[in-house]
Amino acid sequence: GIALYCSRSNSIAEESYRAAEAILPALCEATGAKNNGITVNDNYTGQNWSTVPCVMVECGFMSNPDEDVKLNDPDYQQKLAQGMVEGICNFVGR
């Protein structure tokens, strides 16, 4: 499945969470992947120091044999990219 991570307490935490709320359903719709939700924490340095909305996307898990195959498939990668684009466009209102 797909999971998103964003910061819990920095100055852009709320906006990052709104971005994640727009991106996750678009990714799941584009790929048919399971929605594993949004996790908020302050464990990721890049997110903690960001000054613009910041979301980390887990596109799947290589420890899952089925997902590992999908993650190496160019067609699935294109679906992931398209889902991210759609989600970002939804977030910025395009």
Protein backbone atom coordinates (compact mmCIF):
# COMPACT_ATOMS: atom_id res chain seq x y z
CA GLY A 1 0.00 0.00 0.00
CA ILE A 2 0.84 3.67 -0.09
CA ALA A 3 1.60 5.73 3.02
CA LEU A 4 2.45 9.40 3.42
CA TYR A 5 4.45 11.08 6.18
CA CYS A 6 4.51 14.71 7.23
CA SER A 7 5.79 16.77 10.13
CA ARG A 8 3.79 17.12 13.32
CA SER A 9 4.93 20.42 14.73
CA ASN A 10 6.92 22.68 12.40
CA SER A 11 5.57 25.93 10.94
CA ILE A 12 4.23 24.21 7.81
CA ALA A 13 2.82 21.09 9.51
CA GLU A 14 -0.84 21.94 8.86
CA GLU A 15 -0.24 22.85 5.23
CA SER A 16 1.84 19.69 4.73
CA TYR A 17 -0.98 17.60 6.16
CA ARG A 18 -3.46 19.24 3.76
CA ALA A 19 -1.08 18.40 0.91
CA ALA A 20 -0.94 14.78 2.07
CA GLU A 21 -4.75 14.68 2.23
CA ALA A 22 -4.86 15.74 -1.43
CA ILE A 23 -2.06 13.50 -2.67
CA LEU A 24 -2.88 10.18 -0.97
CA PRO A 25 -6.33 9.56 -2.49
CA ALA A 26 -5.09 10.58 -5.93
CA LEU A 27 -2.21 8.10 -5.67
CA CYS A 28 -4.49 5.30 -4.52
CA GLU A 29 -7.01 6.04 -7.28
CA ALA A 30 -4.31 6.10 -9.96
CA THR A 31 -2.69 2.85 -8.84
CA GLY A 32 -5.40 0.85 -7.09
CA ALA A 33 -3.03 0.50 -4.12
CA LYS A 34 -4.21 0.19 -0.54
CA ASN A 35 -4.43 3.45 1.40
CA ASN A 36 -2.13 3.03 4.43
CA GLY A 37 -2.89 6.51 5.71
CA ILE A 38 -0.97 9.60 6.75
CA THR A 39 1.51 9.50 9.61
CA VAL A 40 2.56 12.67 11.37
CA ASN A 41 5.78 12.76 13.36
CA ASP A 42 8.96 14.75 13.73
CA ASN A 43 11.39 11.96 12.85
CA TYR A 44 12.50 13.13 9.40
CA THR A 45 15.06 15.94 9.29
CA GLY A 46 14.22 17.08 5.77
CA GLN A 47 10.63 17.66 6.79
CA ASN A 48 11.50 19.33 10.07
CA TRP A 49 13.58 22.03 8.39
CA SER A 50 11.39 22.57 5.35
CA THR A 51 9.83 26.00 4.85
CA VAL A 52 7.37 24.84 2.20
CA PRO A 53 4.78 22.03 2.39
CA CYS A 54 6.65 18.75 2.58
CA VAL A 55 5.31 15.20 2.25
CA MET A 56 7.24 11.94 2.10
CA VAL A 57 5.57 9.29 -0.06
CA GLU A 58 6.02 5.54 0.53
CA CYS A 59 4.97 4.16 -2.85
CA GLY A 60 5.02 0.57 -1.64
CA PHE A 61 7.20 -1.85 0.23
CA MET A 62 9.91 -4.00 -1.34
CA SER A 63 9.42 -6.46 1.53
CA ASN A 64 6.06 -7.28 -0.08
CA PRO A 65 6.84 -9.46 -3.13
CA ASP A 66 3.80 -8.26 -5.12
CA GLU A 67 4.58 -4.60 -4.46
CA ASP A 68 8.25 -5.16 -5.24
CA VAL A 69 7.31 -6.36 -8.73
CA LYS A 70 4.95 -3.40 -9.24
CA LEU A 71 7.55 -0.88 -8.10
CA ASN A 72 9.87 -2.13 -10.83
CA ASP A 73 7.22 -1.91 -13.56
CA PRO A 74 7.49 1.25 -15.73
CA ASP A 75 3.70 1.30 -16.26
CA TYR A 76 3.11 1.27 -12.49
CA GLN A 77 5.76 3.94 -12.00
CA GLN A 78 3.89 6.09 -14.53
CA LYS A 79 0.66 5.59 -12.55
CA LEU A 80 2.47 6.66 -9.38
CA ALA A 81 3.81 9.77 -11.10
CA GLN A 82 0.40 10.64 -12.53
CA GLY A 83 -1.25 10.15 -9.13
CA MET A 84 1.29 12.47 -7.51
CA VAL A 85 0.72 15.11 -10.19
CA GLU A 86 -3.06 14.87 -9.76
CA GLY A 87 -2.75 15.13 -5.99
CA ILE A 88 -0.46 18.14 -6.16
CA CYS A 89 -2.77 19.83 -8.66
CA ASN A 90 -5.69 19.18 -6.30
CA PHE A 91 -3.70 20.67 -3.43
CA VAL A 92 -2.83 23.87 -5.29
CA GLY A 93 -6.29 24.17 -6.81
CA ARG A 94 -5.52 23.46 -10.46
